[in-house]
Structure formats: C-alpha cells, structure tokens
Amino acid sequence: MTGGRRRIHVYAPPGYQQETGKHYPVLYLLHGSGDNDSHWTLLGRANVLADNLLADGRAVPMLIVMPDGQVAE
C-alpha cells in the first residue's frame, strides 16, 4: 500500500445503472510503462471493443477497471 491516491477509469456496460441488484464480472486492465489509465480508452478503445463484443454476443456484460499505475502526490 502506497498511501497515495490513484486515478481510475471504469467502463460499465449499457444498462448498468438500471440493474441495481445485478452482479457483474470485472476485468482489470493494467497499462504499460509510460502510459496511464486513459490510454485504454484513448488509444486502445477498450470501451468501443467491449460495446462491439457485447453487440455481437461474443462477451458477457462486465465492468472494466483501468487504474493508473502512478501514485498521485
């Protein structure tokens, strides 16, 4: 534990806010050296890929958590 704060991006599938009692699996995506949590959506387009996989029936609805590996001061 570093004791610092970290920024985080979270992808939630369509309909997530209406399903208050439903449990979702969680996928954690960790970035590489020199990147940060925003690169999964800005460059990797994780949100677009997840939406397309869901629409094609090739993935189950899930939360995708993308934390920043750098501790904020």
N, C-alpha and C. Protein backbone atom coordinates (compact mmCIF):
# COMPACT_ATOMS: atom_id res chain seq x y z
N MET A 1 0.84 -1.18 0.00
CA MET A 1 0.00 0.00 0.00
C MET A 1 0.88 1.23 0.00
N THR A 2 0.60 2.12 -0.92
CA THR A 2 1.42 3.32 -1.05
C THR A 2 0.90 4.50 -0.25
N GLY A 3 -0.35 4.48 0.11
CA GLY A 3 -0.94 5.58 0.84
C GLY A 3 -1.32 6.75 -0.06
N GLY A 4 -1.00 6.66 -1.35
CA GLY A 4 -1.35 7.72 -2.29
C GLY A 4 -2.68 7.47 -2.96
N ARG A 5 -3.11 8.45 -3.73
CA ARG A 5 -4.36 8.34 -4.48
C ARG A 5 -4.04 7.96 -5.92
N ARG A 6 -4.95 7.23 -6.54
CA ARG A 6 -4.80 6.83 -7.93
C ARG A 6 -6.05 7.20 -8.71
N ARG A 7 -5.83 7.65 -9.93
CA ARG A 7 -6.95 7.90 -10.83
C ARG A 7 -7.36 6.57 -11.44
N ILE A 8 -8.63 6.47 -11.83
CA ILE A 8 -9.12 5.21 -12.37
C ILE A 8 -10.21 5.51 -13.42
N HIS A 9 -10.24 4.72 -14.47
CA HIS A 9 -11.31 4.77 -15.45
C HIS A 9 -12.09 3.46 -15.32
N VAL A 10 -13.41 3.55 -15.42
CA VAL A 10 -14.26 2.36 -15.32
C VAL A 10 -15.24 2.36 -16.49
N TYR A 11 -15.27 1.25 -17.21
CA TYR A 11 -16.27 1.03 -18.26
C TYR A 11 -17.41 0.24 -17.64
N ALA A 12 -18.63 0.70 -17.85
CA ALA A 12 -19.83 -0.02 -17.43
C ALA A 12 -20.65 -0.33 -18.68
N PRO A 13 -21.18 -1.54 -18.78
CA PRO A 13 -21.94 -1.92 -19.97
C PRO A 13 -23.27 -1.17 -20.05
N PRO A 14 -23.85 -1.11 -21.26
CA PRO A 14 -25.17 -0.49 -21.40
C PRO A 14 -26.18 -1.12 -20.44
N GLY A 15 -26.99 -0.29 -19.81
CA GLY A 15 -28.00 -0.77 -18.87
C GLY A 15 -27.50 -0.97 -17.46
N TYR A 16 -26.23 -0.71 -17.21
CA TYR A 16 -25.65 -0.96 -15.88
C TYR A 16 -26.37 -0.19 -14.78
N GLN A 17 -26.69 1.07 -15.00
CA GLN A 17 -27.31 1.88 -13.94
C GLN A 17 -28.74 1.44 -13.62
N GLN A 18 -29.41 0.77 -14.56
CA GLN A 18 -30.77 0.30 -14.30
C GLN A 18 -30.78 -1.03 -13.55
N GLU A 19 -29.70 -1.77 -13.57
CA GLU A 19 -29.61 -3.09 -12.94
C GLU A 19 -28.97 -2.97 -11.56
N THR A 20 -29.67 -2.37 -10.61
CA THR A 20 -29.07 -2.05 -9.31
C THR A 20 -28.69 -3.27 -8.48
N GLY A 21 -29.36 -4.38 -8.63
CA GLY A 21 -29.06 -5.55 -7.81
C GLY A 21 -28.23 -6.61 -8.51
N LYS A 22 -27.87 -6.37 -9.75
CA LYS A 22 -27.15 -7.37 -10.54
C LYS A 22 -25.65 -7.30 -10.28
N HIS A 23 -25.02 -8.47 -10.26
CA HIS A 23 -23.57 -8.55 -10.09
C HIS A 23 -22.92 -8.76 -11.45
N TYR A 24 -21.83 -8.08 -11.69
CA TYR A 24 -21.11 -8.16 -12.96
C TYR A 24 -19.70 -8.67 -12.73
N PRO A 25 -19.16 -9.47 -13.66
CA PRO A 25 -17.74 -9.81 -13.58
C PRO A 25 -16.92 -8.56 -13.84
N VAL A 26 -15.67 -8.57 -13.37
CA VAL A 26 -14.80 -7.41 -13.52
C VAL A 26 -13.52 -7.83 -14.23
N LEU A 27 -13.15 -7.06 -15.25
CA LEU A 27 -11.89 -7.25 -15.96
C LEU A 27 -11.00 -6.06 -15.61
N TYR A 28 -9.80 -6.33 -15.11
CA TYR A 28 -8.84 -5.28 -14.78
C TYR A 28 -7.82 -5.18 -15.91
N LEU A 29 -7.65 -3.97 -16.45
CA LEU A 29 -6.65 -3.73 -17.48
C LEU A 29 -5.57 -2.82 -16.90
N LEU A 30 -4.35 -3.31 -16.89
CA LEU A 30 -3.22 -2.53 -16.37
C LEU A 30 -2.37 -2.05 -17.54
N HIS A 31 -2.04 -0.79 -17.55
CA HIS A 31 -1.28 -0.21 -18.65
C HIS A 31 0.21 -0.52 -18.50
N GLY A 32 0.94 -0.28 -19.57
CA GLY A 32 2.38 -0.50 -19.57
C GLY A 32 3.14 0.75 -19.14
N SER A 33 4.43 0.61 -19.10
CA SER A 33 5.31 1.71 -18.70
C SER A 33 5.16 2.88 -19.66
N GLY A 34 5.06 4.07 -19.12
CA GLY A 34 4.94 5.26 -19.93
C GLY A 34 3.51 5.62 -20.29
N ASP A 35 2.56 4.75 -20.04
CA ASP A 35 1.15 5.02 -20.32
C ASP A 35 0.44 5.37 -19.02
N ASN A 36 -0.86 5.63 -19.11
CA ASN A 36 -1.67 5.83 -17.92
C ASN A 36 -3.06 5.24 -18.16
N ASP A 37 -3.94 5.40 -17.18
CA ASP A 37 -5.26 4.78 -17.25
C ASP A 37 -6.10 5.24 -18.44
N SER A 38 -5.87 6.44 -18.94
CA SER A 38 -6.67 6.95 -20.05
C SER A 38 -6.32 6.30 -21.39
N HIS A 39 -5.15 5.71 -21.49
CA HIS A 39 -4.72 5.14 -22.76
C HIS A 39 -5.55 3.92 -23.19
N TRP A 40 -6.17 3.23 -22.24
CA TRP A 40 -7.02 2.09 -22.61
C TRP A 40 -8.22 2.52 -23.42
N THR A 41 -8.74 3.73 -23.15
CA THR A 41 -9.88 4.21 -23.93
C THR A 41 -9.44 5.11 -25.08
N LEU A 42 -8.43 5.94 -24.86
CA LEU A 42 -8.00 6.87 -25.91
C LEU A 42 -7.30 6.16 -27.07
N LEU A 43 -6.38 5.27 -26.76
CA LEU A 43 -5.61 4.58 -27.79
C LEU A 43 -6.10 3.15 -28.04
N GLY A 44 -6.39 2.43 -26.97
CA GLY A 44 -6.81 1.04 -27.11
C GLY A 44 -8.28 0.86 -27.42
N ARG A 45 -9.06 1.92 -27.19
CA ARG A 45 -10.50 1.91 -27.45
C ARG A 45 -11.21 0.74 -26.78
N ALA A 46 -10.85 0.48 -25.52
CA ALA A 46 -11.43 -0.64 -24.78
C ALA A 46 -12.95 -0.54 -24.70
N ASN A 47 -13.46 0.66 -24.56
CA ASN A 47 -14.92 0.84 -24.48
C ASN A 47 -15.60 0.49 -25.80
N VAL A 48 -15.02 0.86 -26.92
CA VAL A 48 -15.60 0.55 -28.23
C VAL A 48 -15.53 -0.96 -28.48
N LEU A 49 -14.40 -1.56 -28.16
CA LEU A 49 -14.26 -3.02 -28.33
C LEU A 49 -15.27 -3.77 -27.47
N ALA A 50 -15.43 -3.35 -26.22
CA ALA A 50 -16.39 -4.02 -25.33
C ALA A 50 -17.81 -3.88 -25.87
N ASP A 51 -18.18 -2.67 -26.31
CA ASP A 51 -19.52 -2.48 -26.87
C ASP A 51 -19.76 -3.37 -28.09
N ASN A 52 -18.77 -3.45 -28.97
CA ASN A 52 -18.91 -4.28 -30.18
C ASN A 52 -18.99 -5.77 -29.84
N LEU A 53 -18.19 -6.23 -28.90
CA LEU A 53 -18.24 -7.64 -28.49
C LEU A 53 -19.58 -7.98 -27.86
N LEU A 54 -20.11 -7.06 -27.05
CA LEU A 54 -21.44 -7.28 -26.45
C LEU A 54 -22.52 -7.34 -27.53
N ALA A 55 -22.46 -6.42 -28.48
CA ALA A 55 -23.46 -6.38 -29.54
C ALA A 55 -23.42 -7.64 -30.40
N ASP A 56 -22.23 -8.21 -30.57
CA ASP A 56 -22.07 -9.43 -31.37
C ASP A 56 -22.35 -10.70 -30.56
N GLY A 57 -22.62 -10.55 -29.25
CA GLY A 57 -22.84 -11.72 -28.40
C GLY A 57 -21.58 -12.50 -28.10
N ARG A 58 -20.43 -11.88 -28.25
CA ARG A 58 -19.15 -12.56 -28.03
C ARG A 58 -18.55 -12.25 -26.67
N ALA A 59 -19.26 -11.49 -25.83
CA ALA A 59 -18.81 -11.18 -24.48
C ALA A 59 -20.04 -11.04 -23.59
N VAL A 60 -19.84 -11.24 -22.31
CA VAL A 60 -20.91 -11.02 -21.34
C VAL A 60 -20.76 -9.60 -20.79
N PRO A 61 -21.85 -8.99 -20.35
CA PRO A 61 -21.72 -7.66 -19.74
C PRO A 61 -20.79 -7.72 -18.54
N MET A 62 -19.87 -6.77 -18.49
CA MET A 62 -18.87 -6.75 -17.41
C MET A 62 -18.44 -5.32 -17.15
N LEU A 63 -17.84 -5.13 -15.99
CA LEU A 63 -17.18 -3.87 -15.69
C LEU A 63 -15.72 -4.02 -16.10
N ILE A 64 -15.14 -2.96 -16.66
CA ILE A 64 -13.72 -2.97 -16.99
C ILE A 64 -13.09 -1.84 -16.19
N VAL A 65 -12.16 -2.21 -15.33
CA VAL A 65 -11.49 -1.26 -14.45
C VAL A 65 -10.08 -1.03 -14.95
N MET A 66 -9.74 0.25 -15.17
CA MET A 66 -8.43 0.62 -15.73
C MET A 66 -7.76 1.62 -14.79
N PRO A 67 -6.98 1.13 -13.81
CA PRO A 67 -6.34 2.04 -12.84
C PRO A 67 -5.06 2.65 -13.39
N ASP A 68 -4.71 3.81 -12.88
CA ASP A 68 -3.43 4.42 -13.21
C ASP A 68 -2.36 3.80 -12.32
N GLY A 69 -1.28 3.38 -12.91
CA GLY A 69 -0.20 2.75 -12.15
C GLY A 69 0.68 3.72 -11.38
N GLN A 70 0.52 5.02 -11.65
CA GLN A 70 1.32 6.04 -10.97
C GLN A 70 0.53 6.62 -9.81
N VAL A 71 1.18 6.73 -8.67
CA VAL A 71 0.53 7.30 -7.48
C VAL A 71 0.56 8.81 -7.57
N ALA A 72 -0.59 9.44 -7.37
CA ALA A 72 -0.67 10.90 -7.36
C ALA A 72 -0.15 11.43 -6.04
N GLU A 73 0.53 12.52 -6.09
CA GLU A 73 1.07 13.15 -4.87
C GLU A 73 0.03 14.04 -4.23
